Protein backbone atom coordinates (compact mmCIF):
# COMPACT_ATOMS: atom_id res chain seq x y z
CA MET A 1 0.03 0.12 -0.09
CA SER A 2 1.47 3.26 -0.96
CA LEU A 3 1.03 6.91 -3.05
CA ASP A 4 1.46 4.84 -6.32
CA SER A 5 -1.41 2.37 -5.34
CA LEU A 6 -3.37 4.79 -4.59
CA LYS A 7 -2.69 6.91 -7.46
CA ALA A 8 -3.61 3.94 -9.50
CA ARG A 9 -6.81 3.48 -7.94
CA VAL A 10 -7.94 7.00 -9.12
CA PRO A 11 -10.38 6.55 -12.48
CA ASP A 12 -9.63 8.18 -15.34
CA TYR A 13 -12.43 10.58 -15.08
CA ALA A 14 -10.45 11.91 -12.28
CA LYS A 15 -6.91 12.08 -13.85
CA ASP A 16 -6.20 15.73 -12.26
CA LEU A 17 -6.69 14.33 -8.99
CA ARG A 18 -4.16 11.45 -9.78
CA LEU A 19 -1.66 14.10 -10.83
CA ASN A 20 -2.31 16.49 -8.51
CA LEU A 21 -1.81 13.42 -5.69
CA GLY A 22 1.25 12.53 -7.40
CA SER A 23 2.36 16.37 -7.18
CA VAL A 24 1.35 17.40 -3.55
CA ILE A 25 2.92 14.82 -2.09
CA GLY A 26 5.33 12.94 -4.22
CA ASN A 27 7.03 16.51 -5.08
CA SER A 28 6.44 18.62 -1.90
CA ASP A 29 8.95 20.88 -0.55
CA LEU A 30 8.11 20.31 3.10
CA PRO A 31 10.13 18.76 5.31
CA ALA A 32 9.35 14.89 5.76
CA GLN A 33 7.49 15.43 9.17
CA GLN A 34 5.20 18.24 8.15
CA LEU A 35 4.89 16.34 4.78
CA TRP A 36 3.88 13.03 6.18
CA GLY A 37 1.96 14.66 9.09
CA THR A 38 -0.10 16.53 6.97
CA VAL A 39 -0.93 13.31 4.53
CA LEU A 40 -1.96 11.09 7.56
CA ALA A 41 -4.16 13.93 9.66
CA THR A 42 -5.81 15.05 6.41
CA ALA A 43 -6.06 11.37 5.52
CA ILE A 44 -7.94 10.32 8.59
CA ALA A 45 -10.13 13.70 8.29
CA SER A 46 -11.28 12.51 5.04
CA ARG A 47 -13.06 9.71 6.72
CA SER A 48 -12.06 7.37 3.37
CA PRO A 49 -11.38 3.93 4.47
CA ILE A 50 -9.47 3.52 0.95
CA VAL A 51 -7.13 6.59 1.46
CA LEU A 52 -6.19 6.32 4.83
CA ARG A 53 -5.43 2.35 4.12
CA GLU A 54 -3.42 3.39 1.26
CA LEU A 55 -1.22 6.12 3.06
CA GLU A 56 -0.84 5.15 6.56
CA PRO A 57 1.66 2.88 6.19
CA GLU A 58 4.18 5.26 4.26
CA ALA A 59 2.86 8.03 6.43
CA LYS A 60 4.07 6.05 9.37
CA ALA A 61 7.28 4.77 7.88
CA ASN A 62 8.13 8.41 7.52
CA LEU A 63 7.46 9.59 10.86
CA SER A 64 8.74 9.06 14.05
CA PRO A 65 6.60 7.21 16.67
CA GLU A 66 5.99 10.48 18.33
CA ALA A 67 4.92 12.52 14.90
CA TYR A 68 2.62 9.76 13.89
CA THR A 69 0.75 10.04 17.23
CA ALA A 70 0.72 13.71 17.18
CA ALA A 71 -0.46 13.57 13.75
CA LYS A 72 -3.59 11.44 14.61
CA SER A 73 -3.83 13.40 17.72
CA ALA A 74 -4.16 16.61 15.44
CA ALA A 75 -6.75 14.77 13.30
CA ALA A 76 -8.99 13.77 16.87
CA ILE A 77 -8.91 16.92 18.61
CA MET A 78 -9.75 18.73 15.34
CA ALA A 79 -12.48 16.71 14.54
CA MET A 80 -14.02 17.91 17.87
CA ASN A 81 -13.01 21.68 17.63
CA ASN A 82 -13.95 22.07 14.36
CA VAL A 83 -17.52 21.00 14.89
CA PHE A 84 -17.65 23.26 18.11
CA TYR A 85 -15.78 26.36 16.52
CA ARG A 86 -18.04 26.21 13.39
CA THR A 87 -21.13 26.24 15.17
CA ARG A 88 -20.35 28.90 17.30
CA HIS A 89 -19.28 30.97 14.55
CA LEU A 90 -22.21 30.08 12.18
CA LEU A 91 -24.79 30.77 14.94
CA SER A 92 -25.96 34.18 14.52
CA ASP A 93 -26.36 34.78 18.42
CA HIS A 94 -23.09 36.06 19.08
CA GLU A 95 -23.49 35.15 22.90
CA TYR A 96 -22.21 31.81 22.47
CA GLY A 97 -18.85 33.18 21.81
CA THR A 98 -18.89 34.72 25.36
CA LEU A 99 -19.52 31.00 26.66
CA ARG A 100 -16.98 29.08 28.35
CA ALA A 101 -15.90 26.08 26.00
CA GLY A 102 -15.20 23.70 28.78
CA LEU A 103 -13.63 21.12 26.32
CA ARG A 104 -10.13 19.43 27.05
CA MET A 105 -7.68 20.33 24.45
CA ASN A 106 -4.49 19.71 26.61
CA VAL A 107 -2.81 18.04 23.41
CA ILE A 108 -2.67 21.49 21.54
CA GLY A 109 -0.33 22.41 24.30
CA ASN A 110 1.71 19.89 24.11
CA PRO A 111 1.36 17.84 21.23
CA GLY A 112 4.94 15.77 21.79
CA VAL A 113 6.35 17.36 17.82
CA GLU A 114 7.28 21.05 17.52
CA LYS A 115 4.04 23.31 17.76
CA VAL A 116 4.94 24.79 14.16
CA ASP A 117 4.29 21.05 12.97
CA PHE A 118 1.03 20.50 15.12
CA GLU A 119 -0.57 23.87 14.24
CA LEU A 120 0.13 22.81 10.34
CA TRP A 121 -1.47 19.64 10.66
CA SER A 122 -4.28 21.20 12.57
CA PHE A 123 -4.72 23.96 9.97
CA ALA A 124 -5.29 21.28 7.26
CA VAL A 125 -7.55 19.25 9.16
CA SER A 126 -9.55 22.15 9.60
CA ALA A 127 -9.31 22.82 5.96
CA VAL A 128 -10.70 19.71 5.21
CA ASN A 129 -13.49 20.12 7.96
CA GLY A 130 -14.62 23.49 6.76
CA CYS A 131 -13.89 25.62 9.95
CA GLY A 132 -13.35 28.99 8.96
CA SER A 133 -12.87 30.35 12.50
CA CYS A 134 -10.03 27.36 13.29
CA LEU A 135 -8.24 28.04 10.20
CA ASP A 136 -8.03 31.75 10.71
CA SER A 137 -6.89 30.96 14.42
CA HIS A 138 -4.01 28.29 13.23
CA GLU A 139 -3.10 30.41 10.20
CA GLN A 140 -2.22 33.38 12.57
CA VAL A 141 -0.52 31.07 14.97
CA LEU A 142 1.70 29.80 12.10
CA ARG A 143 2.17 33.19 10.36
CA LYS A 144 3.42 34.66 14.03
CA ALA A 145 6.09 31.48 14.20
CA GLY A 146 7.07 32.72 10.73
CA VAL A 147 5.69 30.13 8.70
CA GLU A 148 5.71 31.41 5.33
CA ARG A 149 2.10 31.44 3.08
CA ASP A 150 4.00 28.95 0.65
CA THR A 151 4.04 26.33 3.06
CA ILE A 152 0.71 27.16 4.68
CA GLN A 153 -0.77 26.60 1.10
CA GLU A 154 1.26 23.48 0.61
CA ALA A 155 -0.74 22.22 3.53
CA PHE A 156 -4.13 23.07 2.14
CA LYS A 157 -3.44 21.78 -1.07
CA ILE A 158 -2.74 18.51 0.37
CA ALA A 159 -6.03 18.89 2.37
CA ALA A 160 -8.06 19.42 -0.74
CA VAL A 161 -6.02 16.96 -2.66
CA VAL A 162 -6.50 14.03 0.05
CA GLN A 163 -10.21 15.09 0.50
CA ALA A 164 -11.14 14.74 -3.07
CA VAL A 165 -9.50 11.62 -3.75
CA GLY A 166 -11.47 9.89 -0.83
CA ALA A 167 -14.71 11.35 -1.95
CA THR A 168 -13.71 9.85 -5.56
CA LEU A 169 -12.67 6.70 -4.67
CA ASP A 170 -15.29 6.44 -1.69
CA ALA A 171 -18.10 6.89 -4.38
CA GLU A 172 -16.68 4.59 -6.84
CA ALA A 173 -16.96 1.67 -4.26
CA VAL A 174 -20.62 2.55 -3.52
CA LEU A 175 -21.25 2.33 -7.22
CA ALA A 176 -19.09 -0.72 -7.71
CA GLU A 177 -21.48 -2.85 -5.18
């Protein structure tokens, strides 16, 4: 299981996704830990069993055990935070924004890897989950830490392509039943 086998599964009508998958992962300028943490976190966030099964082994091989766990932690905590903060943001009653969240988020303060890497993975998961509030928050932390816009865009390009491949392959699996 690998990037190549995932690309081979993408149908011809989605050839652009196959090409983009190869370029955003195979030709990324991100350091290996940032790249594969982003890939793993967004594969989890995509909710696609096919994508996760294909990309997880390669991500695991390219990440330290700490980074592997942290990338999974980013996907997990952002699954909760993206729903919570997106909902608060979308409600027309802004009083919800003044209420205490009361949710545990300890992993954000101590992720077990460089804070910038965890923030990048959290940002990418937020892109998949469509939480504007979280996107803004993580982007600001990244920019304040000196992360360039090109790097941040790399993360959301990966998120976009992984999500699109997951949606396409999951649809094909349903249609093949």
